[in-house]
Amino acid sequence: MSRSAFAVRFKHLVGETPLEYLTNWRMQKATALLQKGDKKLYEVAKAVGYDSDASFSKAFKRVFGVAPREYRLNATGHL
């Protein structure tokens, strides 16, 4: 099966593209780690598959509309 055929089939079955699915899964895992509050931002980024906290922060803000640090502050009451 070609990549494009896989992507079409995946979207038909799951409701989102493989990349959207992966991003959403990573962000769900990231929010749990941020709420827990015991990891540094770069550790959260690495744990969810990003090579840098900058790329993670950009993706997180694109998905949630707030930076991960702000999300953590709101979720835990501290950085």
PDB file of N, CA and C in Angstrom:
ATOM      1  N   MET A   1       0.846  -1.174   0.000  1.00  0.00           N
ATOM      2  CA  MET A   1       0.000   0.000   0.000  1.00  0.00           C
ATOM      3  C   MET A   1       0.897   1.244   0.000  1.00  0.00           C
ATOM      4  N   SER A   2       0.551   2.190  -0.833  1.00  0.00           N
ATOM      5  CA  SER A   2       1.334   3.424  -0.906  1.00  0.00           C
ATOM      6  C   SER A   2       1.042   4.303   0.318  1.00  0.00           C
ATOM      7  N   ARG A   3       1.925   5.260   0.557  1.00  0.00           N
ATOM      8  CA  ARG A   3       1.721   6.184   1.679  1.00  0.00           C
ATOM      9  C   ARG A   3       0.433   6.979   1.520  1.00  0.00           C
ATOM     10  N   SER A   4       0.185   7.440   0.304  1.00  0.00           N
ATOM     11  CA  SER A   4      -1.022   8.247   0.103  1.00  0.00           C
ATOM     12  C   SER A   4      -2.284   7.402   0.282  1.00  0.00           C
ATOM     13  N   ALA A   5      -2.269   6.174  -0.197  1.00  0.00           N
ATOM     14  CA  ALA A   5      -3.426   5.291  -0.009  1.00  0.00           C
ATOM     15  C   ALA A   5      -3.624   4.989   1.476  1.00  0.00           C
ATOM     16  N   PHE A   6      -2.523   4.774   2.188  1.00  0.00           N
ATOM     17  CA  PHE A   6      -2.601   4.547   3.628  1.00  0.00           C
ATOM     18  C   PHE A   6      -3.206   5.758   4.332  1.00  0.00           C
ATOM     19  N   ALA A   7      -2.730   6.952   3.982  1.00  0.00           N
ATOM     20  CA  ALA A   7      -3.219   8.175   4.613  1.00  0.00           C
ATOM     21  C   ALA A   7      -4.720   8.360   4.373  1.00  0.00           C
ATOM     22  N   VAL A   8      -5.167   8.089   3.158  1.00  0.00           N
ATOM     23  CA  VAL A   8      -6.591   8.209   2.839  1.00  0.00           C
ATOM     24  C   VAL A   8      -7.396   7.193   3.643  1.00  0.00           C
ATOM     25  N   ARG A   9      -6.932   5.958   3.691  1.00  0.00           N
ATOM     26  CA  ARG A   9      -7.633   4.903   4.435  1.00  0.00           C
ATOM     27  C   ARG A   9      -7.652   5.210   5.932  1.00  0.00           C
ATOM     28  N   PHE A  10      -6.520   5.657   6.454  1.00  0.00           N
ATOM     29  CA  PHE A  10      -6.395   6.000   7.864  1.00  0.00           C
ATOM     30  C   PHE A  10      -7.394   7.106   8.226  1.00  0.00           C
ATOM     31  N   LYS A  11      -7.426   8.152   7.405  1.00  0.00           N
ATOM     32  CA  LYS A  11      -8.344   9.270   7.673  1.00  0.00           C
ATOM     33  C   LYS A  11      -9.794   8.802   7.613  1.00  0.00           C
ATOM     34  N   HIS A  12     -10.087   7.934   6.683  1.00  0.00           N
ATOM     35  CA  HIS A  12     -11.448   7.407   6.562  1.00  0.00           C
ATOM     36  C   HIS A  12     -11.843   6.639   7.822  1.00  0.00           C
ATOM     37  N   LEU A  13     -10.932   5.840   8.359  1.00  0.00           N
ATOM     38  CA  LEU A  13     -11.229   5.006   9.518  1.00  0.00           C
ATOM     39  C   LEU A  13     -11.147   5.766  10.844  1.00  0.00           C
ATOM     40  N   VAL A  14     -10.162   6.654  10.981  1.00  0.00           N
ATOM     41  CA  VAL A  14      -9.886   7.310  12.261  1.00  0.00           C
ATOM     42  C   VAL A  14     -10.493   8.711  12.337  1.00  0.00           C
ATOM     43  N   GLY A  15     -10.639   9.361  11.196  1.00  0.00           N
ATOM     44  CA  GLY A  15     -11.215  10.691  11.181  1.00  0.00           C
ATOM     45  C   GLY A  15     -10.201  11.814  11.148  1.00  0.00           C
ATOM     46  N   GLU A  16      -8.928  11.468  11.134  1.00  0.00           N
ATOM     47  CA  GLU A  16      -7.859  12.454  11.016  1.00  0.00           C
ATOM     48  C   GLU A  16      -6.675  11.798  10.321  1.00  0.00           C
ATOM     49  N   THR A  17      -5.795  12.628   9.775  1.00  0.00           N
ATOM     50  CA  THR A  17      -4.638  12.084   9.073  1.00  0.00           C
ATOM     51  C   THR A  17      -3.678  11.446  10.077  1.00  0.00           C
ATOM     52  N   PRO A  18      -2.776  10.597   9.604  1.00  0.00           N
ATOM     53  CA  PRO A  18      -1.789  10.008  10.523  1.00  0.00           C
ATOM     54  C   PRO A  18      -0.982  11.072  11.278  1.00  0.00           C
ATOM     55  N   LEU A  19      -0.600  12.140  10.617  1.00  0.00           N
ATOM     56  CA  LEU A  19       0.170  13.192  11.286  1.00  0.00           C
ATOM     57  C   LEU A  19      -0.676  13.923  12.332  1.00  0.00           C
ATOM     58  N   GLU A  20      -1.929  14.197  12.014  1.00  0.00           N
ATOM     59  CA  GLU A  20      -2.819  14.823  12.998  1.00  0.00           C
ATOM     60  C   GLU A  20      -3.010  13.916  14.210  1.00  0.00           C
ATOM     61  N   TYR A  21      -3.185  12.626  13.948  1.00  0.00           N
ATOM     62  CA  TYR A  21      -3.350  11.656  15.029  1.00  0.00           C
ATOM     63  C   TYR A  21      -2.118  11.634  15.931  1.00  0.00           C
ATOM     64  N   LEU A  22      -0.943  11.571  15.321  1.00  0.00           N
ATOM     65  CA  LEU A  22       0.300  11.548  16.088  1.00  0.00           C
ATOM     66  C   LEU A  22       0.462  12.821  16.907  1.00  0.00           C
ATOM     67  N   THR A  23       0.209  13.964  16.301  1.00  0.00           N
ATOM     68  CA  THR A  23       0.321  15.236  17.014  1.00  0.00           C
ATOM     69  C   THR A  23      -0.640  15.283  18.191  1.00  0.00           C
ATOM     70  N   ASN A  24      -1.873  14.883  17.986  1.00  0.00           N
ATOM     71  CA  ASN A  24      -2.860  14.898  19.070  1.00  0.00           C
ATOM     72  C   ASN A  24      -2.490  13.941  20.190  1.00  0.00           C
ATOM     73  N   TRP A  25      -1.969  12.763  19.843  1.00  0.00           N
ATOM     74  CA  TRP A  25      -1.526  11.804  20.856  1.00  0.00           C
ATOM     75  C   TRP A  25      -0.365  12.388  21.664  1.00  0.00           C
ATOM     76  N   ARG A  26       0.601  12.995  20.969  1.00  0.00           N
ATOM     77  CA  ARG A  26       1.731  13.616  21.657  1.00  0.00           C
ATOM     78  C   ARG A  26       1.262  14.712  22.604  1.00  0.00           C
ATOM     79  N   MET A  27       0.318  15.526  22.155  1.00  0.00           N
ATOM     80  CA  MET A  27      -0.156  16.639  22.974  1.00  0.00           C
ATOM     81  C   MET A  27      -0.946  16.144  24.186  1.00  0.00           C
ATOM     82  N   GLN A  28      -1.708  15.074  24.038  1.00  0.00           N
ATOM     83  CA  GLN A  28      -2.412  14.495  25.184  1.00  0.00           C
ATOM     84  C   GLN A  28      -1.408  14.018  26.231  1.00  0.00           C
ATOM     85  N   LYS A  29      -0.372  13.343  25.765  1.00  0.00           N
ATOM     86  CA  LYS A  29       0.666  12.872  26.679  1.00  0.00           C
ATOM     87  C   LYS A  29       1.386  14.065  27.319  1.00  0.00           C
ATOM     88  N   ALA A  30       1.656  15.093  26.533  1.00  0.00           N
ATOM     89  CA  ALA A  30       2.353  16.277  27.040  1.00  0.00           C
ATOM     90  C   ALA A  30       1.528  16.984  28.113  1.00  0.00           C
ATOM     91  N   THR A  31       0.223  17.124  27.900  1.00  0.00           N
ATOM     92  CA  THR A  31      -0.591  17.806  28.906  1.00  0.00           C
ATOM     93  C   THR A  31      -0.570  17.045  30.226  1.00  0.00           C
ATOM     94  N   ALA A  32      -0.586  15.728  30.165  1.00  0.00           N
ATOM     95  CA  ALA A  32      -0.514  14.936  31.395  1.00  0.00           C
ATOM     96  C   ALA A  32       0.812  15.170  32.110  1.00  0.00           C
ATOM     97  N   LEU A  33       1.900  15.205  31.350  1.00  0.00           N
ATOM     98  CA  LEU A  33       3.217  15.437  31.950  1.00  0.00           C
ATOM     99  C   LEU A  33       3.330  16.851  32.508  1.00  0.00           C
ATOM    100  N   LEU A  34       2.773  17.823  31.807  1.00  0.00           N
ATOM    101  CA  LEU A  34       2.819  19.199  32.284  1.00  0.00           C
ATOM    102  C   LEU A  34       1.981  19.376  33.546  1.00  0.00           C
ATOM    103  N   GLN A  35       0.850  18.724  33.612  1.00  0.00           N
ATOM    104  CA  GLN A  35       0.003  18.814  34.796  1.00  0.00           C
ATOM    105  C   GLN A  35       0.673  18.183  36.010  1.00  0.00           C
ATOM    106  N   LYS A  36       1.399  17.102  35.767  1.00  0.00           N
ATOM    107  CA  LYS A  36       2.119  16.433  36.853  1.00  0.00           C
ATOM    108  C   LYS A  36       3.173  17.369  37.431  1.00  0.00           C
ATOM    109  N   GLY A  37       3.844  18.121  36.545  1.00  0.00           N
ATOM    110  CA  GLY A  37       4.736  19.186  36.968  1.00  0.00           C
ATOM    111  C   GLY A  37       6.111  18.805  37.450  1.00  0.00           C
ATOM    112  N   ASP A  38       6.518  17.544  37.322  1.00  0.00           N
ATOM    113  CA  ASP A  38       7.820  17.158  37.857  1.00  0.00           C
ATOM    114  C   ASP A  38       8.932  17.079  36.808  1.00  0.00           C
ATOM    115  N   LYS A  39       8.634  17.394  35.565  1.00  0.00           N
ATOM    116  CA  LYS A  39       9.645  17.366  34.501  1.00  0.00           C
ATOM    117  C   LYS A  39       9.872  18.772  33.964  1.00  0.00           C
ATOM    118  N   LYS A  40      11.112  19.022  33.573  1.00  0.00           N
ATOM    119  CA  LYS A  40      11.437  20.279  32.912  1.00  0.00           C
ATOM    120  C   LYS A  40      10.832  20.244  31.509  1.00  0.00           C
ATOM    121  N   LEU A  41      10.667  21.411  30.910  1.00  0.00           N
ATOM    122  CA  LEU A  41      10.027  21.505  29.605  1.00  0.00           C
ATOM    123  C   LEU A  41      10.765  20.684  28.545  1.00  0.00           C
ATOM    124  N   TYR A  42      12.096  20.739  28.533  1.00  0.00           N
ATOM    125  CA  TYR A  42      12.835  19.957  27.535  1.00  0.00           C
ATOM    126  C   TYR A  42      12.660  18.459  27.767  1.00  0.00           C
ATOM    127  N   GLU A  43      12.437  18.041  29.017  1.00  0.00           N
ATOM    128  CA  GLU A  43      12.196  16.622  29.296  1.00  0.00           C
ATOM    129  C   GLU A  43      10.830  16.196  28.779  1.00  0.00           C
ATOM    130  N   VAL A  44       9.856  17.066  28.916  1.00  0.00           N
ATOM    131  CA  VAL A  44       8.519  16.785  28.368  1.00  0.00           C
ATOM    132  C   VAL A  44       8.613  16.687  26.852  1.00  0.00           C
ATOM    133  N   ALA A  45       9.317  17.640  26.235  1.00  0.00           N
ATOM    134  CA  ALA A  45       9.482  17.635  24.781  1.00  0.00           C
ATOM    135  C   ALA A  45      10.098  16.314  24.306  1.00  0.00           C
ATOM    136  N   LYS A  46      11.163  15.890  24.953  1.00  0.00           N
ATOM    137  CA  LYS A  46      11.824  14.623  24.583  1.00  0.00           C
ATOM    138  C   LYS A  46      10.887  13.435  24.796  1.00  0.00           C
ATOM    139  N   ALA A  47      10.158  13.456  25.908  1.00  0.00           N
ATOM    140  CA  ALA A  47       9.272  12.339  26.239  1.00  0.00           C
ATOM    141  C   ALA A  47       8.162  12.142  25.220  1.00  0.00           C
ATOM    142  N   VAL A  48       7.763  13.207  24.542  1.00  0.00           N
ATOM    143  CA  VAL A  48       6.683  13.087  23.563  1.00  0.00           C
ATOM    144  C   VAL A  48       7.189  13.114  22.121  1.00  0.00           C
ATOM    145  N   GLY A  49       8.523  13.016  21.943  1.00  0.00           N
ATOM    146  CA  GLY A  49       9.064  12.812  20.605  1.00  0.00           C
ATOM    147  C   GLY A  49       9.586  14.026  19.878  1.00  0.00           C
ATOM    148  N   TYR A  50       9.792  15.132  20.574  1.00  0.00           N
ATOM    149  CA  TYR A  50      10.353  16.324  19.931  1.00  0.00           C
ATOM    150  C   TYR A  50      11.828  16.433  20.255  1.00  0.00           C
ATOM    151  N   ASP A  51      12.610  16.868  19.278  1.00  0.00           N
ATOM    152  CA  ASP A  51      14.055  16.995  19.461  1.00  0.00           C
ATOM    153  C   ASP A  51      14.443  18.247  20.236  1.00  0.00           C
ATOM    154  N   SER A  52      13.560  19.240  20.252  1.00  0.00           N
ATOM    155  CA  SER A  52      13.885  20.469  20.977  1.00  0.00           C
ATOM    156  C   SER A  52      12.643  21.001  21.670  1.00  0.00           C
ATOM    157  N   ASP A  53      12.869  21.726  22.759  1.00  0.00           N
ATOM    158  CA  ASP A  53      11.728  22.322  23.441  1.00  0.00           C
ATOM    159  C   ASP A  53      11.123  23.446  22.609  1.00  0.00           C
ATOM    160  N   ALA A  54      11.921  24.052  21.726  1.00  0.00           N
ATOM    161  CA  ALA A  54      11.394  25.112  20.861  1.00  0.00           C
ATOM    162  C   ALA A  54      10.368  24.547  19.872  1.00  0.00           C
ATOM    163  N   SER A  55      10.689  23.430  19.231  1.00  0.00           N
ATOM    164  CA  SER A  55       9.738  22.846  18.277  1.00  0.00           C
ATOM    165  C   SER A  55       8.503  22.309  19.004  1.00  0.00           C
ATOM    166  N   PHE A  56       8.711  21.753  20.189  1.00  0.00           N
ATOM    167  CA  PHE A  56       7.582  21.291  20.999  1.00  0.00           C
ATOM    168  C   PHE A  56       6.686  22.469  21.385  1.00  0.00           C
ATOM    169  N   SER A  57       7.290  23.546  21.846  1.00  0.00           N
ATOM    170  CA  SER A  57       6.525  24.719  22.270  1.00  0.00           C
ATOM    171  C   SER A  57       5.701  25.289  21.125  1.00  0.00           C
ATOM    172  N   LYS A  58       6.298  25.341  19.946  1.00  0.00           N
ATOM    173  CA  LYS A  58       5.592  25.856  18.772  1.00  0.00           C
ATOM    174  C   LYS A  58       4.383  24.972  18.436  1.00  0.00           C
ATOM    175  N   ALA A  59       4.582  23.658  18.438  1.00  0.00           N
ATOM    176  CA  ALA A  59       3.486  22.733  18.144  1.00  0.00           C
ATOM    177  C   ALA A  59       2.405  22.805  19.225  1.00  0.00           C
ATOM    178  N   PHE A  60       2.816  22.877  20.481  1.00  0.00           N
ATOM    179  CA  PHE A  60       1.870  22.940  21.594  1.00  0.00           C
ATOM    180  C   PHE A  60       1.007  24.193  21.486  1.00  0.00           C
ATOM    181  N   LYS A  61       1.633  25.319  21.207  1.00  0.00           N
ATOM    182  CA  LYS A  61       0.898  26.574  21.093  1.00  0.00           C
ATOM    183  C   LYS A  61      -0.053  26.545  19.893  1.00  0.00           C
ATOM    184  N   ARG A  62       0.377  25.903  18.804  1.00  0.00           N
ATOM    185  CA  ARG A  62      -0.493  25.784  17.634  1.00  0.00           C
ATOM    186  C   ARG A  62      -1.752  24.975  17.973  1.00  0.00           C
ATOM    187  N   VAL A  63      -1.588  23.924  18.770  1.00  0.00           N
ATOM    188  CA  VAL A  63      -2.721  23.057  19.107  1.00  0.00           C
ATOM    189  C   VAL A  63      -3.619  23.679  20.179  1.00  0.00           C
ATOM    190  N   PHE A  64      -3.018  24.239  21.234  1.00  0.00           N
ATOM    191  CA  PHE A  64      -3.791  24.691  22.392  1.00  0.00           C
ATOM    192  C   PHE A  64      -3.962  26.205  22.502  1.00  0.00           C
ATOM    193  N   GLY A  65      -3.183  26.956  21.736  1.00  0.00           N
ATOM    194  CA  GLY A  65      -3.314  28.408  21.783  1.00  0.00           C
ATOM    195  C   GLY A  65      -2.572  29.073  22.922  1.00  0.00           C
ATOM    196  N   VAL A  66      -1.885  28.288  23.742  1.00  0.00           N
ATOM    197  CA  VAL A  66      -1.054  28.820  24.827  1.00  0.00           C
ATOM    198  C   VAL A  66       0.270  28.065  24.840  1.00  0.00           C
ATOM    199  N   ALA A  67       1.290  28.713  25.365  1.00  0.00           N
ATOM    200  CA  ALA A  67       2.601  28.069  25.478  1.00  0.00           C
ATOM    201  C   ALA A  67       2.548  26.996  26.569  1.00  0.00           C
ATOM    202  N   PRO A  68       3.394  25.977  26.470  1.00  0.00           N
ATOM    203  CA  PRO A  68       3.404  24.924  27.491  1.00  0.00           C
ATOM    204  C   PRO A  68       3.650  25.461  28.905  1.00  0.00           C
ATOM    205  N   ARG A  69       4.527  26.451  29.023  1.00  0.00           N
ATOM    206  CA  ARG A  69       4.793  27.027  30.357  1.00  0.00           C
ATOM    207  C   ARG A  69       3.531  27.669  30.938  1.00  0.00           C
ATOM    208  N   GLU A  70       2.785  28.366  30.098  1.00  0.00           N
ATOM    209  CA  GLU A  70       1.538  28.986  30.550  1.00  0.00           C
ATOM    210  C   GLU A  70       0.513  27.914  30.915  1.00  0.00           C
ATOM    211  N   TYR A  71       0.443  26.863  30.101  1.00  0.00           N
ATOM    212  CA  TYR A  71      -0.467  25.751  30.394  1.00  0.00           C
ATOM    213  C   TYR A  71      -0.131  25.144  31.755  1.00  0.00           C
ATOM    214  N   ARG A  72       1.166  24.905  31.983  1.00  0.00           N
ATOM    215  CA  ARG A  72       1.591  24.321  33.258  1.00  0.00           C
ATOM    216  C   ARG A  72       1.235  25.240  34.422  1.00  0.00           C
ATOM    217  N   LEU A  73       1.484  26.520  34.257  1.00  0.00           N
ATOM    218  CA  LEU A  73       1.171  27.493  35.307  1.00  0.00           C
ATOM    219  C   LEU A  73      -0.317  27.444  35.648  1.00  0.00           C
ATOM    220  N   ASN A  74      -1.151  27.423  34.631  1.00  0.00           N
ATOM    221  CA  ASN A  74      -2.601  27.368  34.846  1.00  0.00           C
ATOM    222  C   ASN A  74      -3.040  26.034  35.450  1.00  0.00           C
ATOM    223  N   ALA A  75      -2.368  24.950  35.069  1.00  0.00           N
ATOM    224  CA  ALA A  75      -2.753  23.615  35.531  1.00  0.00           C
ATOM    225  C   ALA A  75      -2.267  23.322  36.941  1.00  0.00           C
ATOM    226  N   THR A  76      -1.089  23.836  37.299  1.00  0.00           N
ATOM    227  CA  THR A  76      -0.506  23.483  38.590  1.00  0.00           C
ATOM    228  C   THR A  76      -0.402  24.651  39.553  1.00  0.00           C
ATOM    229  N   GLY A  77      -0.508  25.858  39.045  1.00  0.00           N
ATOM    230  CA  GLY A  77      -0.378  27.021  39.898  1.00  0.00           C
ATOM    231  C   GLY A  77       1.051  27.459  40.126  1.00  0.00           C
ATOM    232  N   HIS A  78       2.012  26.758  39.474  1.00  0.00           N
ATOM    233  CA  HIS A  78       3.419  27.148  39.549  1.00  0.00           C
ATOM    234  C   HIS A  78       4.190  26.573  38.369  1.00  0.00           C
ATOM    235  N   LEU A  79       5.386  27.103  38.108  1.00  0.00           N
ATOM    236  CA  LEU A  79       6.238  26.638  36.996  1.00  0.00           C
ATOM    237  C   LEU A  79       7.095  25.497  37.400  1.00  0.00           C
TER     238      LEU A  79
END
